Amino acid sequence: MSNLTQKKYWLRTAFACLSLALLFIGSWGIPKETFAQGNTCYVAPAGSDSNPGTKAQPWQTIQKAANTLAAGDTVYIRAGTYAEQVTPLNSGSAGSYITYAAYSGETAPINGGGYYRSLAPAARL
């Protein structure tokens, strides 16, 4: 291999390595999609709406949660039947949902004024 050919080979190799290095370094600066982490609250039939909504002291109504939650928050609804109509006052945003979910391993039927439906594992607004 002549000196000129060797020089071209090493220049191409160096250029390829430099290009790959810049590609990887540049991709570190690209922001990843993130989801807001909000508060976690709980609702249980034996709770009270004057409680703070914690796991140990849950609210009693889903409406109390709907009045309180903000974007990024999650409410876990404990087993029991909830005879109430719920009108969420706040909504989430893209990437920052308000999540209403049955507590793990439990179901939470909602009887909203004569209509009967069961809360699926999670509903996002």
PDB file of N, CA and C in Angstrom:
ATOM      1  N   MET A   1       0.848  -1.165   0.000  1.00  0.00           N
ATOM      2  CA  MET A   1       0.000   0.000   0.000  1.00  0.00           C
ATOM      3  C   MET A   1       0.899   1.235   0.000  1.00  0.00           C
ATOM      4  N   SER A   2       0.617   2.162  -0.868  1.00  0.00           N
ATOM      5  CA  SER A   2       1.436   3.373  -0.959  1.00  0.00           C
ATOM      6  C   SER A   2       1.125   4.316   0.198  1.00  0.00           C
ATOM      7  N   ASN A   3       2.020   5.253   0.426  1.00  0.00           N
ATOM      8  CA  ASN A   3       1.833   6.228   1.504  1.00  0.00           C
ATOM      9  C   ASN A   3       0.567   7.046   1.316  1.00  0.00           C
ATOM     10  N   LEU A   4       0.249   7.411   0.095  1.00  0.00           N
ATOM     11  CA  LEU A   4      -0.952   8.199  -0.184  1.00  0.00           C
ATOM     12  C   LEU A   4      -2.207   7.386   0.117  1.00  0.00           C
ATOM     13  N   THR A   5      -2.211   6.119  -0.263  1.00  0.00           N
ATOM     14  CA  THR A   5      -3.359   5.245   0.002  1.00  0.00           C
ATOM     15  C   THR A   5      -3.521   5.027   1.502  1.00  0.00           C
ATOM     16  N   GLN A   6      -2.403   4.807   2.204  1.00  0.00           N
ATOM     17  CA  GLN A   6      -2.461   4.631   3.655  1.00  0.00           C
ATOM     18  C   GLN A   6      -2.984   5.896   4.333  1.00  0.00           C
ATOM     19  N   LYS A   7      -2.534   7.022   3.871  1.00  0.00           N
ATOM     20  CA  LYS A   7      -2.966   8.297   4.445  1.00  0.00           C
ATOM     21  C   LYS A   7      -4.478   8.478   4.264  1.00  0.00           C
ATOM     22  N   LYS A   8      -4.996   8.171   3.065  1.00  0.00           N
ATOM     23  CA  LYS A   8      -6.438   8.278   2.805  1.00  0.00           C
ATOM     24  C   LYS A   8      -7.221   7.311   3.696  1.00  0.00           C
ATOM     25  N   TYR A   9      -6.691   6.099   3.855  1.00  0.00           N
ATOM     26  CA  TYR A   9      -7.358   5.094   4.697  1.00  0.00           C
ATOM     27  C   TYR A   9      -7.479   5.606   6.134  1.00  0.00           C
ATOM     28  N   TRP A  10      -6.390   6.128   6.685  1.00  0.00           N
ATOM     29  CA  TRP A  10      -6.410   6.613   8.061  1.00  0.00           C
ATOM     30  C   TRP A  10      -7.262   7.874   8.214  1.00  0.00           C
ATOM     31  N   LEU A  11      -7.273   8.718   7.213  1.00  0.00           N
ATOM     32  CA  LEU A  11      -8.135   9.899   7.265  1.00  0.00           C
ATOM     33  C   LEU A  11      -9.607   9.496   7.256  1.00  0.00           C
ATOM     34  N   ARG A  12      -9.966   8.546   6.414  1.00  0.00           N
ATOM     35  CA  ARG A  12     -11.362   8.066   6.369  1.00  0.00           C
ATOM     36  C   ARG A  12     -11.744   7.401   7.687  1.00  0.00           C
ATOM     37  N   THR A  13     -10.848   6.590   8.216  1.00  0.00           N
ATOM     38  CA  THR A  13     -11.120   5.915   9.489  1.00  0.00           C
ATOM     39  C   THR A  13     -11.274   6.938  10.614  1.00  0.00           C
ATOM     40  N   ALA A  14     -10.373   7.903  10.664  1.00  0.00           N
ATOM     41  CA  ALA A  14     -10.448   8.937  11.697  1.00  0.00           C
ATOM     42  C   ALA A  14     -11.730   9.755  11.556  1.00  0.00           C
ATOM     43  N   PHE A  15     -12.104  10.089  10.332  1.00  0.00           N
ATOM     44  CA  PHE A  15     -13.333  10.848  10.094  1.00  0.00           C
ATOM     45  C   PHE A  15     -14.559  10.043  10.534  1.00  0.00           C
ATOM     46  N   ALA A  16     -14.591   8.746  10.229  1.00  0.00           N
ATOM     47  CA  ALA A  16     -15.716   7.894  10.626  1.00  0.00           C
ATOM     48  C   ALA A  16     -15.812   7.802  12.146  1.00  0.00           C
ATOM     49  N   CYS A  17     -14.681   7.611  12.816  1.00  0.00           N
ATOM     50  CA  CYS A  17     -14.681   7.529  14.283  1.00  0.00           C
ATOM     51  C   CYS A  17     -15.115   8.848  14.914  1.00  0.00           C
ATOM     52  N   LEU A  18     -14.624   9.941  14.383  1.00  0.00           N
ATOM     53  CA  LEU A  18     -15.000  11.258  14.891  1.00  0.00           C
ATOM     54  C   LEU A  18     -16.495  11.514  14.691  1.00  0.00           C
ATOM     55  N   SER A  19     -17.016  11.128  13.540  1.00  0.00           N
ATOM     56  CA  SER A  19     -18.450  11.297  13.262  1.00  0.00           C
ATOM     57  C   SER A  19     -19.292  10.498  14.241  1.00  0.00           C
ATOM     58  N   LEU A  20     -18.919   9.240  14.495  1.00  0.00           N
ATOM     59  CA  LEU A  20     -19.656   8.417  15.458  1.00  0.00           C
ATOM     60  C   LEU A  20     -19.575   9.001  16.863  1.00  0.00           C
ATOM     61  N   ALA A  21     -18.402   9.463  17.253  1.00  0.00           N
ATOM     62  CA  ALA A  21     -18.243  10.058  18.581  1.00  0.00           C
ATOM     63  C   ALA A  21     -19.132  11.292  18.737  1.00  0.00           C
ATOM     64  N   LEU A  22     -19.160  12.148  17.732  1.00  0.00           N
ATOM     65  CA  LEU A  22     -20.011  13.343  17.788  1.00  0.00           C
ATOM     66  C   LEU A  22     -21.488  12.979  17.817  1.00  0.00           C
ATOM     67  N   LEU A  23     -21.859  11.934  17.100  1.00  0.00           N
ATOM     68  CA  LEU A  23     -23.252  11.483  17.096  1.00  0.00           C
ATOM     69  C   LEU A  23     -23.672  11.038  18.491  1.00  0.00           C
ATOM     70  N   PHE A  24     -22.835  10.235  19.145  1.00  0.00           N
ATOM     71  CA  PHE A  24     -23.166   9.760  20.488  1.00  0.00           C
ATOM     72  C   PHE A  24     -23.156  10.885  21.506  1.00  0.00           C
ATOM     73  N   ILE A  25     -22.177  11.755  21.433  1.00  0.00           N
ATOM     74  CA  ILE A  25     -22.106  12.883  22.367  1.00  0.00           C
ATOM     75  C   ILE A  25     -23.299  13.815  22.167  1.00  0.00           C
ATOM     76  N   GLY A  26     -23.674  14.062  20.927  1.00  0.00           N
ATOM     77  CA  GLY A  26     -24.811  14.934  20.638  1.00  0.00           C
ATOM     78  C   GLY A  26     -26.131  14.368  21.107  1.00  0.00           C
ATOM     79  N   SER A  27     -26.277  13.043  21.098  1.00  0.00           N
ATOM     80  CA  SER A  27     -27.549  12.440  21.513  1.00  0.00           C
ATOM     81  C   SER A  27     -27.760  12.541  23.015  1.00  0.00           C
ATOM     82  N   TRP A  28     -26.711  12.763  23.799  1.00  0.00           N
ATOM     83  CA  TRP A  28     -26.881  12.926  25.236  1.00  0.00           C
ATOM     84  C   TRP A  28     -27.663  14.183  25.564  1.00  0.00           C
ATOM     85  N   GLY A  29     -27.581  15.184  24.728  1.00  0.00           N
ATOM     86  CA  GLY A  29     -28.261  16.447  24.987  1.00  0.00           C
ATOM     87  C   GLY A  29     -29.720  16.454  24.587  1.00  0.00           C
ATOM     88  N   ILE A  30     -30.195  15.405  23.913  1.00  0.00           N
ATOM     89  CA  ILE A  30     -31.592  15.351  23.493  1.00  0.00           C
ATOM     90  C   ILE A  30     -32.443  14.988  24.703  1.00  0.00           C
ATOM     91  N   PRO A  31     -33.405  15.830  25.070  1.00  0.00           N
ATOM     92  CA  PRO A  31     -34.220  15.529  26.246  1.00  0.00           C
ATOM     93  C   PRO A  31     -35.104  14.309  26.009  1.00  0.00           C
ATOM     94  N   LYS A  32     -35.236  13.511  27.031  1.00  0.00           N
ATOM     95  CA  LYS A  32     -36.097  12.339  26.989  1.00  0.00           C
ATOM     96  C   LYS A  32     -37.491  12.755  27.444  1.00  0.00           C
ATOM     97  N   GLU A  33     -38.524  12.025  26.989  1.00  0.00           N
ATOM     98  CA  GLU A  33     -39.884  12.322  27.422  1.00  0.00           C
ATOM     99  C   GLU A  33     -40.000  11.968  28.895  1.00  0.00           C
ATOM    100  N   THR A  34     -40.470  12.907  29.674  1.00  0.00           N
ATOM    101  CA  THR A  34     -40.645  12.663  31.098  1.00  0.00           C
ATOM    102  C   THR A  34     -42.096  12.901  31.472  1.00  0.00           C
ATOM    103  N   PHE A  35     -42.529  12.225  32.511  1.00  0.00           N
ATOM    104  CA  PHE A  35     -43.884  12.373  33.002  1.00  0.00           C
ATOM    105  C   PHE A  35     -43.817  12.965  34.397  1.00  0.00           C
ATOM    106  N   ALA A  36     -44.667  13.923  34.634  1.00  0.00           N
ATOM    107  CA  ALA A  36     -44.674  14.575  35.938  1.00  0.00           C
ATOM    108  C   ALA A  36     -45.066  13.579  37.021  1.00  0.00           C
ATOM    109  N   GLN A  37     -44.368  13.631  38.106  1.00  0.00           N
ATOM    110  CA  GLN A  37     -44.688  12.812  39.258  1.00  0.00           C
ATOM    111  C   GLN A  37     -45.416  13.695  40.254  1.00  0.00           C
ATOM    112  N   GLY A  38     -46.651  13.357  40.518  1.00  0.00           N
ATOM    113  CA  GLY A  38     -47.436  14.172  41.424  1.00  0.00           C
ATOM    114  C   GLY A  38     -47.684  13.461  42.737  1.00  0.00           C
ATOM    115  N   ASN A  39     -48.726  13.885  43.395  1.00  0.00           N
ATOM    116  CA  ASN A  39     -49.117  13.302  44.670  1.00  0.00           C
ATOM    117  C   ASN A  39     -49.881  12.010  44.450  1.00  0.00           C
ATOM    118  N   THR A  40     -49.849  11.140  45.445  1.00  0.00           N
ATOM    119  CA  THR A  40     -50.642   9.918  45.444  1.00  0.00           C
ATOM    120  C   THR A  40     -51.637  10.021  46.585  1.00  0.00           C
ATOM    121  N   CYS A  41     -52.913   9.837  46.251  1.00  0.00           N
ATOM    122  CA  CYS A  41     -53.980   9.949  47.242  1.00  0.00           C
ATOM    123  C   CYS A  41     -54.807   8.670  47.235  1.00  0.00           C
ATOM    124  N   TYR A  42     -55.637   8.497  48.273  1.00  0.00           N
ATOM    125  CA  TYR A  42     -56.429   7.279  48.417  1.00  0.00           C
ATOM    126  C   TYR A  42     -57.860   7.625  48.794  1.00  0.00           C
ATOM    127  N   VAL A  43     -58.782   6.771  48.317  1.00  0.00           N
ATOM    128  CA  VAL A  43     -60.200   6.876  48.652  1.00  0.00           C
ATOM    129  C   VAL A  43     -60.647   5.502  49.135  1.00  0.00           C
ATOM    130  N   ALA A  44     -61.439   5.471  50.208  1.00  0.00           N
ATOM    131  CA  ALA A  44     -61.987   4.216  50.731  1.00  0.00           C
ATOM    132  C   ALA A  44     -63.363   4.505  51.314  1.00  0.00           C
ATOM    133  N   PRO A  45     -64.298   3.536  51.218  1.00  0.00           N
ATOM    134  CA  PRO A  45     -65.649   3.766  51.740  1.00  0.00           C
ATOM    135  C   PRO A  45     -65.674   4.142  53.224  1.00  0.00           C
ATOM    136  N   ALA A  46     -64.728   3.645  54.014  1.00  0.00           N
ATOM    137  CA  ALA A  46     -64.700   3.943  55.447  1.00  0.00           C
ATOM    138  C   ALA A  46     -63.892   5.202  55.763  1.00  0.00           C
ATOM    139  N   GLY A  47     -63.417   5.908  54.740  1.00  0.00           N
ATOM    140  CA  GLY A  47     -62.631   7.122  54.952  1.00  0.00           C
ATOM    141  C   GLY A  47     -63.515   8.306  55.300  1.00  0.00           C
ATOM    142  N   SER A  48     -62.911   9.476  55.309  1.00  0.00           N
ATOM    143  CA  SER A  48     -63.631  10.718  55.586  1.00  0.00           C
ATOM    144  C   SER A  48     -63.060  11.807  54.686  1.00  0.00           C
ATOM    145  N   ASP A  49     -63.933  12.630  54.131  1.00  0.00           N
ATOM    146  CA  ASP A  49     -63.466  13.709  53.264  1.00  0.00           C
ATOM    147  C   ASP A  49     -62.720  14.797  54.030  1.00  0.00           C
ATOM    148  N   SER A  50     -62.738  14.733  55.358  1.00  0.00           N
ATOM    149  CA  SER A  50     -61.933  15.668  56.147  1.00  0.00           C
ATOM    150  C   SER A  50     -60.532  15.104  56.409  1.00  0.00           C
ATOM    151  N   ASN A  51     -60.283  13.872  55.997  1.00  0.00           N
ATOM    152  CA  ASN A  51     -58.952  13.266  56.117  1.00  0.00           C
ATOM    153  C   ASN A  51     -58.012  13.885  55.086  1.00  0.00           C
ATOM    154  N   PRO A  52     -56.707  13.641  55.229  1.00  0.00           N
ATOM    155  CA  PRO A  52     -55.748  14.195  54.260  1.00  0.00           C
ATOM    156  C   PRO A  52     -55.640  13.404  52.952  1.00  0.00           C
ATOM    157  N   GLY A  53     -56.334  12.260  52.839  1.00  0.00           N
ATOM    158  CA  GLY A  53     -56.287  11.487  51.596  1.00  0.00           C
ATOM    159  C   GLY A  53     -55.087  10.566  51.493  1.00  0.00           C
ATOM    160  N   THR A  54     -54.462  10.253  52.614  1.00  0.00           N
ATOM    161  CA  THR A  54     -53.319   9.342  52.623  1.00  0.00           C
ATOM    162  C   THR A  54     -53.812   7.900  52.669  1.00  0.00           C
ATOM    163  N   LYS A  55     -52.889   6.965  52.539  1.00  0.00           N
ATOM    164  CA  LYS A  55     -53.260   5.548  52.599  1.00  0.00           C
ATOM    165  C   LYS A  55     -53.841   5.206  53.971  1.00  0.00           C
ATOM    166  N   ALA A  56     -53.262   5.756  55.033  1.00  0.00           N
ATOM    167  CA  ALA A  56     -53.741   5.492  56.390  1.00  0.00           C
ATOM    168  C   ALA A  56     -55.019   6.262  56.710  1.00  0.00           C
ATOM    169  N   GLN A  57     -55.217   7.429  56.082  1.00  0.00           N
ATOM    170  CA  GLN A  57     -56.394   8.265  56.326  1.00  0.00           C
ATOM    171  C   GLN A  57     -56.979   8.707  54.985  1.00  0.00           C
ATOM    172  N   PRO A  58     -57.686   7.780  54.305  1.00  0.00           N
ATOM    173  CA  PRO A  58     -58.195   8.094  52.963  1.00  0.00           C
ATOM    174  C   PRO A  58     -59.436   8.980  52.998  1.00  0.00           C
ATOM    175  N   TRP A  59     -59.715   9.581  51.835  1.00  0.00           N
ATOM    176  CA  TRP A  59     -60.980  10.277  51.667  1.00  0.00           C
ATOM    177  C   TRP A  59     -62.088   9.249  51.510  1.00  0.00           C
ATOM    178  N   GLN A  60     -63.321   9.701  51.649  1.00  0.00           N
ATOM    179  CA  GLN A  60     -64.460   8.796  51.516  1.00  0.00           C
ATOM    180  C   GLN A  60     -65.049   8.817  50.112  1.00  0.00           C
ATOM    181  N   THR A  61     -64.974   9.939  49.431  1.00  0.00           N
ATOM    182  CA  THR A  61     -65.625  10.047  48.125  1.00  0.00           C
ATOM    183  C   THR A  61     -64.618  10.299  47.008  1.00  0.00           C
ATOM    184  N   ILE A  62     -64.961   9.769  45.847  1.00  0.00           N
ATOM    185  CA  ILE A  62     -64.145  10.001  44.663  1.00  0.00           C
ATOM    186  C   ILE A  62     -64.247  11.472  44.260  1.00  0.00           C
ATOM    187  N   GLN A  63     -65.407  12.084  44.534  1.00  0.00           N
ATOM    188  CA  GLN A  63     -65.583  13.499  44.199  1.00  0.00           C
ATOM    189  C   GLN A  63     -64.597  14.371  44.969  1.00  0.00           C
ATOM    190  N   LYS A  64     -64.307  14.029  46.226  1.00  0.00           N
ATOM    191  CA  LYS A  64     -63.306  14.786  46.998  1.00  0.00           C
ATOM    192  C   LYS A  64     -61.954  14.719  46.289  1.00  0.00           C
ATOM    193  N   ALA A  65     -61.614  13.537  45.790  1.00  0.00           N
ATOM    194  CA  ALA A  65     -60.363  13.395  45.033  1.00  0.00           C
ATOM    195  C   ALA A  65     -60.423  14.227  43.760  1.00  0.00           C
ATOM    196  N   ALA A  66     -61.552  14.161  43.056  1.00  0.00           N
ATOM    197  CA  ALA A  66     -61.705  14.903  41.800  1.00  0.00           C
ATOM    198  C   ALA A  66     -61.601  16.412  42.025  1.00  0.00           C
ATOM    199  N   ASN A  67     -62.041  16.881  43.183  1.00  0.00           N
ATOM    200  CA  ASN A  67     -61.954  18.309  43.505  1.00  0.00           C
ATOM    201  C   ASN A  67     -60.537  18.735  43.882  1.00  0.00           C
ATOM    202  N   THR A  68     -59.728  17.786  44.312  1.00  0.00           N
ATOM    203  CA  THR A  68     -58.424  18.095  44.886  1.00  0.00           C
ATOM    204  C   THR A  68     -57.258  17.837  43.939  1.00  0.00           C
ATOM    205  N   LEU A  69     -57.368  16.824  43.098  1.00  0.00           N
ATOM    206  CA  LEU A  69     -56.241  16.394  42.273  1.00  0.00           C
ATOM    207  C   LEU A  69     -55.842  17.425  41.223  1.00  0.00           C
ATOM    208  N   ALA A  70     -54.566  17.415  40.896  1.00  0.00           N
ATOM    209  CA  ALA A  70     -54.009  18.286  39.857  1.00  0.00           C
ATOM    210  C   ALA A  70     -53.198  17.428  38.889  1.00  0.00           C
ATOM    211  N   ALA A  71     -52.749  18.023  37.815  1.00  0.00           N
ATOM    212  CA  ALA A  71     -51.979  17.304  36.800  1.00  0.00           C
ATOM    213  C   ALA A  71     -50.818  16.551  37.438  1.00  0.00           C
ATOM    214  N   GLY A  72     -50.670  15.282  37.067  1.00  0.00           N
ATOM    215  CA  GLY A  72     -49.596  14.445  37.585  1.00  0.00           C
ATOM    216  C   GLY A  72     -49.972  13.630  38.806  1.00  0.00           C
ATOM    217  N   ASP A  73     -51.137  13.898  39.405  1.00  0.00           N
ATOM    218  CA  ASP A  73     -51.559  13.182  40.610  1.00  0.00           C
ATOM    219  C   ASP A  73     -52.215  11.848  40.267  1.00  0.00           C
ATOM    220  N   THR A  74     -52.204  10.933  41.252  1.00  0.00           N
ATOM    221  CA  THR A  74     -52.848   9.626  41.125  1.00  0.00           C
ATOM    222  C   THR A  74     -53.703   9.397  42.355  1.00  0.00           C
ATOM    223  N   VAL A  75     -54.906   8.865  42.160  1.00  0.00           N
ATOM    224  CA  VAL A  75     -55.749   8.461  43.280  1.00  0.00           C
ATOM    225  C   VAL A  75     -56.017   6.966  43.147  1.00  0.00           C
ATOM    226  N   TYR A  76     -55.788   6.235  44.241  1.00  0.00           N
ATOM    227  CA  TYR A  76     -56.090   4.808  44.295  1.00  0.00           C
ATOM    228  C   TYR A  76     -57.398   4.640  45.050  1.00  0.00           C
ATOM    229  N   ILE A  77     -58.331   3.951  44.420  1.00  0.00           N
ATOM    230  CA  ILE A  77     -59.664   3.782  44.978  1.00  0.00           C
ATOM    231  C   ILE A  77     -59.766   2.372  45.536  1.00  0.00           C
ATOM    232  N   ARG A  78     -60.018   2.289  46.850  1.00  0.00           N
ATOM    233  CA  ARG A  78     -60.071   1.000  47.540  1.00  0.00           C
ATOM    234  C   ARG A  78     -61.390   0.294  47.252  1.00  0.00           C
ATOM    235  N   ALA A  79     -61.426  -1.006  47.527  1.00  0.00           N
ATOM    236  CA  ALA A  79     -62.597  -1.835  47.258  1.00  0.00           C
ATOM    237  C   ALA A  79     -63.816  -1.305  48.002  1.00  0.00           C
ATOM    238  N   GLY A  80     -64.949  -1.396  47.350  1.00  0.00           N
ATOM    239  CA  GLY A  80     -66.211  -0.934  47.900  1.00  0.00           C
ATOM    240  C   GLY A  80     -67.048  -0.366  46.778  1.00  0.00           C
ATOM    241  N   THR A  81     -68.318  -0.118  47.050  1.00  0.00           N
ATOM    242  CA  THR A  81     -69.202   0.467  46.048  1.00  0.00           C
ATOM    243  C   THR A  81     -69.359   1.947  46.351  1.00  0.00           C
ATOM    244  N   TYR A  82     -69.217   2.750  45.339  1.00  0.00           N
ATOM    245  CA  TYR A  82     -69.306   4.197  45.477  1.00  0.00           C
ATOM    246  C   TYR A  82     -70.567   4.669  44.766  1.00  0.00           C
ATOM    247  N   ALA A  83     -71.572   5.091  45.542  1.00  0.00           N
ATOM    248  CA  ALA A  83     -72.843   5.559  44.988  1.00  0.00           C
ATOM    249  C   ALA A  83     -72.767   7.077  44.844  1.00  0.00           C
ATOM    250  N   GLU A  84     -72.095   7.515  43.810  1.00  0.00           N
ATOM    251  CA  GLU A  84     -71.932   8.954  43.595  1.00  0.00           C
ATOM    252  C   GLU A  84     -71.687   9.234  42.125  1.00  0.00           C
ATOM    253  N   GLN A  85     -72.060  10.411  41.721  1.00  0.00           N
ATOM    254  CA  GLN A  85     -71.711  10.890  40.391  1.00  0.00           C
ATOM    255  C   GLN A  85     -70.469  11.757  40.560  1.00  0.00           C
ATOM    256  N   VAL A  86     -69.493  11.533  39.718  1.00  0.00           N
ATOM    257  CA  VAL A  86     -68.219  12.237  39.852  1.00  0.00           C
ATOM    258  C   VAL A  86     -68.023  13.177  38.673  1.00  0.00           C
ATOM    259  N   THR A  87     -67.739  14.428  38.977  1.00  0.00           N
ATOM    260  CA  THR A  87     -67.434  15.421  37.955  1.00  0.00           C
ATOM    261  C   THR A  87     -66.037  15.964  38.229  1.00  0.00           C
ATOM    262  N   PRO A  88     -65.037  15.490  37.480  1.00  0.00           N
ATOM    263  CA  PRO A  88     -63.681  15.995  37.702  1.00  0.00           C
ATOM    264  C   PRO A  88     -63.591  17.497  37.405  1.00  0.00           C
ATOM    265  N   LEU A  89     -63.006  18.241  38.326  1.00  0.00           N
ATOM    266  CA  LEU A  89     -62.859  19.687  38.149  1.00  0.00           C
ATOM    267  C   LEU A  89     -61.587  20.044  37.392  1.00  0.00           C
ATOM    268  N   ASN A  90     -60.563  19.247  37.548  1.00  0.00           N
ATOM    269  CA  ASN A  90     -59.278  19.518  36.912  1.00  0.00           C
ATOM    270  C   ASN A  90     -58.980  18.434  35.891  1.00  0.00           C
ATOM    271  N   SER A  91     -58.134  18.750  34.960  1.00  0.00           N
ATOM    272  CA  SER A  91     -57.691  17.734  34.010  1.00  0.00           C
ATOM    273  C   SER A  91     -56.177  17.765  33.956  1.00  0.00           C
ATOM    274  N   GLY A  92     -55.626  16.683  33.483  1.00  0.00           N
ATOM    275  CA  GLY A  92     -54.179  16.629  33.335  1.00  0.00           C
ATOM    276  C   GLY A  92     -53.769  17.309  32.047  1.00  0.00           C
ATOM    277  N   SER A  93     -52.572  17.008  31.639  1.00  0.00           N
ATOM    278  CA  SER A  93     -52.055  17.536  30.383  1.00  0.00           C
ATOM    279  C   SER A  93     -51.235  16.437  29.729  1.00  0.00           C
ATOM    280  N   ALA A  94     -50.835  16.652  28.505  1.00  0.00           N
ATOM    281  CA  ALA A  94     -50.036  15.648  27.807  1.00  0.00           C
ATOM    282  C   ALA A  94     -48.790  15.347  28.629  1.00  0.00           C
ATOM    283  N   GLY A  95     -48.617  14.099  28.977  1.00  0.00           N
ATOM    284  CA  GLY A  95     -47.454  13.696  29.758  1.00  0.00           C
ATOM    285  C   GLY A  95     -47.592  13.933  31.246  1.00  0.00           C
ATOM    286  N   SER A  96     -48.700  14.501  31.689  1.00  0.00           N
ATOM    287  CA  SER A  96     -48.924  14.764  33.110  1.00  0.00           C
ATOM    288  C   SER A  96     -50.396  14.520  33.420  1.00  0.00           C
ATOM    289  N   TYR A  97     -50.762  13.248  33.415  1.00  0.00           N
ATOM    290  CA  TYR A  97     -52.156  12.852  33.586  1.00  0.00           C
ATOM    291  C   TYR A  97     -52.604  12.935  35.037  1.00  0.00           C
ATOM    292  N   ILE A  98     -53.918  12.972  35.223  1.00  0.00           N
ATOM    293  CA  ILE A  98     -54.524  12.673  36.514  1.00  0.00           C
ATOM    294  C   ILE A  98     -55.026  11.247  36.367  1.00  0.00           C
ATOM    295  N   THR A  99     -54.577  10.368  37.241  1.00  0.00           N
ATOM    296  CA  THR A  99     -54.909   8.953  37.119  1.00  0.00           C
ATOM    297  C   THR A  99     -55.832   8.529  38.245  1.00  0.00           C
ATOM    298  N   TYR A 100     -56.962   7.908  37.887  1.00  0.00           N
ATOM    299  CA  TYR A 100     -57.892   7.298  38.828  1.00  0.00           C
ATOM    300  C   TYR A 100     -57.727   5.795  38.637  1.00  0.00           C
ATOM    301  N   ALA A 101     -57.337   5.080  39.674  1.00  0.00           N
ATOM    302  CA  ALA A 101     -57.073   3.648  39.533  1.00  0.00           C
ATOM    303  C   ALA A 101     -57.618   2.887  40.729  1.00  0.00           C
ATOM    304  N   ALA A 102     -58.139   1.682  40.460  1.00  0.00           N
ATOM    305  CA  ALA A 102     -58.509   0.795  41.551  1.00  0.00           C
ATOM    306  C   ALA A 102     -57.224   0.379  42.259  1.00  0.00           C
ATOM    307  N   TYR A 103     -57.286   0.261  43.566  1.00  0.00           N
ATOM    308  CA  TYR A 103     -56.130  -0.172  44.340  1.00  0.00           C
ATOM    309  C   TYR A 103     -55.732  -1.569  43.880  1.00  0.00           C
ATOM    310  N   SER A 104     -54.472  -1.868  43.883  1.00  0.00           N
ATOM    311  CA  SER A 104     -53.944  -3.131  43.365  1.00  0.00           C
ATOM    312  C   SER A 104     -54.682  -4.349  43.937  1.00  0.00           C
ATOM    313  N   GLY A 105     -55.224  -5.169  43.039  1.00  0.00           N
ATOM    314  CA  GLY A 105     -55.915  -6.391  43.439  1.00  0.00           C
ATOM    315  C   GLY A 105     -57.350  -6.184  43.898  1.00  0.00           C
ATOM    316  N   GLU A 106     -57.855  -4.965  43.825  1.00  0.00           N
ATOM    317  CA  GLU A 106     -59.214  -4.671  44.278  1.00  0.00           C
ATOM    318  C   GLU A 106     -60.039  -4.110  43.126  1.00  0.00           C
ATOM    319  N   THR A 107     -61.361  -4.179  43.276  1.00  0.00           N
ATOM    320  CA  THR A 107     -62.259  -3.551  42.308  1.00  0.00           C
ATOM    321  C   THR A 107     -63.096  -2.521  43.044  1.00  0.00           C
ATOM    322  N   ALA A 108     -63.487  -1.503  42.316  1.00  0.00           N
ATOM    323  CA  ALA A 108     -64.232  -0.405  42.925  1.00  0.00           C
ATOM    324  C   ALA A 108     -65.405  -0.031  42.031  1.00  0.00           C
ATOM    325  N   PRO A 109     -66.554  -0.726  42.162  1.00  0.00           N
ATOM    326  CA  PRO A 109     -67.722  -0.362  41.353  1.00  0.00           C
ATOM    327  C   PRO A 109     -68.223   1.039  41.708  1.00  0.00           C
ATOM    328  N   ILE A 110     -68.644   1.767  40.685  1.00  0.00           N
ATOM    329  CA  ILE A 110     -69.201   3.108  40.881  1.00  0.00           C
ATOM    330  C   ILE A 110     -70.652   3.070  40.432  1.00  0.00           C
ATOM    331  N   ASN A 111     -71.584   3.379  41.340  1.00  0.00           N
ATOM    332  CA  ASN A 111     -73.003   3.431  41.017  1.00  0.00           C
ATOM    333  C   ASN A 111     -73.381   4.902  40.994  1.00  0.00           C
ATOM    334  N   GLY A 112     -73.295   5.494  39.819  1.00  0.00           N
ATOM    335  CA  GLY A 112     -73.515   6.933  39.690  1.00  0.00           C
ATOM    336  C   GLY A 112     -74.953   7.282  39.383  1.00  0.00           C
ATOM    337  N   GLY A 113     -75.805   7.265  40.376  1.00  0.00           N
ATOM    338  CA  GLY A 113     -77.187   7.675  40.186  1.00  0.00           C
ATOM    339  C   GLY A 113     -77.985   6.717  39.320  1.00  0.00           C
ATOM    340  N   GLY A 114     -77.805   5.429  39.513  1.00  0.00           N
ATOM    341  CA  GLY A 114     -78.586   4.448  38.780  1.00  0.00           C
ATOM    342  C   GLY A 114     -77.817   3.758  37.671  1.00  0.00           C
ATOM    343  N   TYR A 115     -76.744   4.359  37.224  1.00  0.00           N
ATOM    344  CA  TYR A 115     -75.913   3.706  36.213  1.00  0.00           C
ATOM    345  C   TYR A 115     -74.828   2.932  36.940  1.00  0.00           C
ATOM    346  N   TYR A 116     -74.582   1.726  36.512  1.00  0.00           N
ATOM    347  CA  TYR A 116     -73.613   0.882  37.192  1.00  0.00           C
ATOM    348  C   TYR A 116     -72.447   0.593  36.267  1.00  0.00           C
ATOM    349  N   ARG A 117     -71.297   0.891  36.722  1.00  0.00           N
ATOM    350  CA  ARG A 117     -70.095   0.540  35.975  1.00  0.00           C
ATOM    351  C   ARG A 117     -68.975   0.300  36.987  1.00  0.00           C
ATOM    352  N   SER A 118     -68.021  -0.485  36.595  1.00  0.00           N
ATOM    353  CA  SER A 118     -66.906  -0.791  37.474  1.00  0.00           C
ATOM    354  C   SER A 118     -65.680  -0.040  36.991  1.00  0.00           C
ATOM    355  N   LEU A 119     -64.924   0.500  37.918  1.00  0.00           N
ATOM    356  CA  LEU A 119     -63.715   1.226  37.559  1.00  0.00           C
ATOM    357  C   LEU A 119     -62.694   0.248  37.011  1.00  0.00           C
ATOM    358  N   ALA A 120     -62.248   0.526  35.815  1.00  0.00           N
ATOM    359  CA  ALA A 120     -61.202  -0.293  35.207  1.00  0.00           C
ATOM    360  C   ALA A 120     -59.913  -0.074  35.991  1.00  0.00           C
ATOM    361  N   PRO A 121     -58.887  -0.870  35.729  1.00  0.00           N
ATOM    362  CA  PRO A 121     -57.651  -0.709  36.486  1.00  0.00           C
ATOM    363  C   PRO A 121     -57.107   0.720  36.502  1.00  0.00           C
ATOM    364  N   ALA A 122     -57.309   1.483  35.444  1.00  0.00           N
ATOM    365  CA  ALA A 122     -56.837   2.875  35.471  1.00  0.00           C
ATOM    366  C   ALA A 122     -57.590   3.694  34.443  1.00  0.00           C
ATOM    367  N   ALA A 123     -57.929   4.904  34.810  1.00  0.00           N
ATOM    368  CA  ALA A 123     -58.543   5.862  33.885  1.00  0.00           C
ATOM    369  C   ALA A 123     -57.733   7.136  33.990  1.00  0.00           C
ATOM    370  N   ARG A 124     -57.392   7.725  32.862  1.00  0.00           N
ATOM    371  CA  ARG A 124     -56.580   8.942  32.879  1.00  0.00           C
ATOM    372  C   ARG A 124     -57.346  10.081  32.245  1.00  0.00           C
ATOM    373  N   LEU A 125     -57.281  11.237  32.876  1.00  0.00           N
ATOM    374  CA  LEU A 125     -57.944  12.434  32.359  1.00  0.00           C
ATOM    375  C   LEU A 125     -56.915  13.431  31.916  1.00  0.00           C
TER     376      LEU A 125
END
